Amino acid sequence: MTTEEAEIRLAEIDIKPNSKIDNITISESGKRHGIEALIISVIEKGEKISVKKASGDTHMIAGQKIIAIGTKDQIKYLTNLASS
């Protein structure tokens, strides 16, 4: 695929309880599952919505949303991990 053919997507993905990326760091998820999409932010819900810049040490927890950028296939793969 050339850069002209690449379609980059931005996605908001819900982390489901007991999914493959629930309660692990972004770094761990990359090592365990080979995630290639770039996770750029984590959204926590509470009394106020908190949007945090993501780093490798950021824990992803069920109930949060992640904002990621990647190709269609990369986003699909990350979405599947977050829901299974």
C-alpha atoms as a PDB file:
ATOM      1  CA  MET A   1       0.000   0.000   0.000  1.00  0.00           C
ATOM      2  CA  THR A   2       1.356   3.392  -0.920  1.00  0.00           C
ATOM      3  CA  THR A   3       0.815   6.550   1.084  1.00  0.00           C
ATOM      4  CA  GLU A   4      -1.577   7.762  -1.589  1.00  0.00           C
ATOM      5  CA  GLU A   5      -3.740   4.654  -1.047  1.00  0.00           C
ATOM      6  CA  ALA A   6      -3.665   4.716   2.768  1.00  0.00           C
ATOM      7  CA  GLU A   7      -6.869   5.855   4.372  1.00  0.00           C
ATOM      8  CA  ILE A   8      -6.188   7.056   7.894  1.00  0.00           C
ATOM      9  CA  ARG A   9      -9.011   6.954  10.411  1.00  0.00           C
ATOM     10  CA  LEU A  10      -9.622   8.488  13.800  1.00  0.00           C
ATOM     11  CA  ALA A  11     -11.740   6.358  16.128  1.00  0.00           C
ATOM     12  CA  GLU A  12     -13.313   6.498  19.572  1.00  0.00           C
ATOM     13  CA  ILE A  13     -13.332   2.975  21.016  1.00  0.00           C
ATOM     14  CA  ASP A  14     -15.074   1.701  24.167  1.00  0.00           C
ATOM     15  CA  ILE A  15     -13.076  -0.647  26.394  1.00  0.00           C
ATOM     16  CA  LYS A  16     -15.345  -3.483  27.501  1.00  0.00           C
ATOM     17  CA  PRO A  17     -14.963  -5.398  30.796  1.00  0.00           C
ATOM     18  CA  ASN A  18     -12.631  -8.405  30.559  1.00  0.00           C
ATOM     19  CA  SER A  19     -11.568  -7.489  27.013  1.00  0.00           C
ATOM     20  CA  LYS A  20      -8.029  -8.295  25.899  1.00  0.00           C
ATOM     21  CA  ILE A  21      -6.882  -4.737  26.619  1.00  0.00           C
ATOM     22  CA  ASP A  22      -8.809  -4.194  29.865  1.00  0.00           C
ATOM     23  CA  ASN A  23      -6.534  -3.302  32.787  1.00  0.00           C
ATOM     24  CA  ILE A  24      -3.209  -3.275  30.929  1.00  0.00           C
ATOM     25  CA  THR A  25      -0.976  -0.439  29.774  1.00  0.00           C
ATOM     26  CA  ILE A  26      -0.700   0.759  26.225  1.00  0.00           C
ATOM     27  CA  SER A  27       2.874  -0.587  26.155  1.00  0.00           C
ATOM     28  CA  GLU A  28       1.755  -4.037  27.333  1.00  0.00           C
ATOM     29  CA  SER A  29      -1.034  -4.130  24.762  1.00  0.00           C
ATOM     30  CA  GLY A  30       1.445  -3.395  21.984  1.00  0.00           C
ATOM     31  CA  LYS A  31       3.775  -6.183  23.124  1.00  0.00           C
ATOM     32  CA  ARG A  32       1.043  -8.767  23.740  1.00  0.00           C
ATOM     33  CA  HIS A  33      -1.186  -8.038  20.769  1.00  0.00           C
ATOM     34  CA  GLY A  34       0.970  -6.226  18.204  1.00  0.00           C
ATOM     35  CA  ILE A  35      -1.248  -3.150  18.106  1.00  0.00           C
ATOM     36  CA  GLU A  36      -0.137  -0.814  15.330  1.00  0.00           C
ATOM     37  CA  ALA A  37      -2.783   1.895  15.693  1.00  0.00           C
ATOM     38  CA  LEU A  38      -1.613   4.940  17.631  1.00  0.00           C
ATOM     39  CA  ILE A  39      -3.571   5.446  20.856  1.00  0.00           C
ATOM     40  CA  ILE A  40      -3.465   9.181  21.436  1.00  0.00           C
ATOM     41  CA  SER A  41      -5.863   9.742  24.316  1.00  0.00           C
ATOM     42  CA  VAL A  42      -7.909   8.072  27.052  1.00  0.00           C
ATOM     43  CA  ILE A  43     -11.294   9.435  28.073  1.00  0.00           C
ATOM     44  CA  GLU A  44     -12.512   8.751  31.606  1.00  0.00           C
ATOM     45  CA  LYS A  45     -16.124   9.266  32.571  1.00  0.00           C
ATOM     46  CA  GLY A  46     -17.135  10.515  35.969  1.00  0.00           C
ATOM     47  CA  GLU A  47     -18.833  13.623  37.234  1.00  0.00           C
ATOM     48  CA  LYS A  48     -16.701  15.411  34.654  1.00  0.00           C
ATOM     49  CA  ILE A  49     -15.259  13.916  31.513  1.00  0.00           C
ATOM     50  CA  SER A  50     -11.467  13.810  31.651  1.00  0.00           C
ATOM     51  CA  VAL A  51      -9.414  13.557  28.461  1.00  0.00           C
ATOM     52  CA  LYS A  52      -5.804  12.535  29.061  1.00  0.00           C
ATOM     53  CA  LYS A  53      -2.883  12.385  26.678  1.00  0.00           C
ATOM     54  CA  ALA A  54      -1.842   8.745  26.402  1.00  0.00           C
ATOM     55  CA  SER A  55       1.647   7.376  27.027  1.00  0.00           C
ATOM     56  CA  GLY A  56       3.034   3.855  27.122  1.00  0.00           C
ATOM     57  CA  ASP A  57       2.397   3.740  30.884  1.00  0.00           C
ATOM     58  CA  THR A  58      -1.271   4.715  30.554  1.00  0.00           C
ATOM     59  CA  HIS A  59      -3.578   1.987  31.900  1.00  0.00           C
ATOM     60  CA  MET A  60      -6.647   1.180  29.854  1.00  0.00           C
ATOM     61  CA  ILE A  61      -9.620   0.174  31.974  1.00  0.00           C
ATOM     62  CA  ALA A  62     -13.128  -1.018  31.153  1.00  0.00           C
ATOM     63  CA  GLY A  63     -15.550   1.882  30.907  1.00  0.00           C
ATOM     64  CA  GLN A  64     -12.965   4.206  29.421  1.00  0.00           C
ATOM     65  CA  LYS A  65     -12.833   5.215  25.790  1.00  0.00           C
ATOM     66  CA  ILE A  66      -9.638   5.431  23.799  1.00  0.00           C
ATOM     67  CA  ILE A  67      -8.993   7.722  20.874  1.00  0.00           C
ATOM     68  CA  ALA A  68      -6.811   6.090  18.236  1.00  0.00           C
ATOM     69  CA  ILE A  69      -5.559   6.817  14.753  1.00  0.00           C
ATOM     70  CA  GLY A  70      -4.610   4.233  12.149  1.00  0.00           C
ATOM     71  CA  THR A  71      -5.588   2.464   8.986  1.00  0.00           C
ATOM     72  CA  LYS A  72      -8.989   0.813   8.630  1.00  0.00           C
ATOM     73  CA  ASP A  73      -7.503  -2.604   9.471  1.00  0.00           C
ATOM     74  CA  GLN A  74      -5.515  -1.294  12.458  1.00  0.00           C
ATOM     75  CA  ILE A  75      -8.616   0.367  13.937  1.00  0.00           C
ATOM     76  CA  LYS A  76     -10.722  -2.743  13.318  1.00  0.00           C
ATOM     77  CA  TYR A  77      -8.131  -4.914  15.094  1.00  0.00           C
ATOM     78  CA  LEU A  78      -7.958  -2.534  18.093  1.00  0.00           C
ATOM     79  CA  THR A  79     -11.769  -2.358  18.276  1.00  0.00           C
ATOM     80  CA  ASN A  80     -11.948  -6.158  18.326  1.00  0.00           C
ATOM     81  CA  LEU A  81      -9.380  -6.350  21.145  1.00  0.00           C
ATOM     82  CA  ALA A  82     -11.320  -3.761  23.161  1.00  0.00           C
ATOM     83  CA  SER A  83     -14.551  -5.730  22.897  1.00  0.00           C
ATOM     84  CA  SER A  84     -13.393  -9.349  23.226  1.00  0.00           C
END
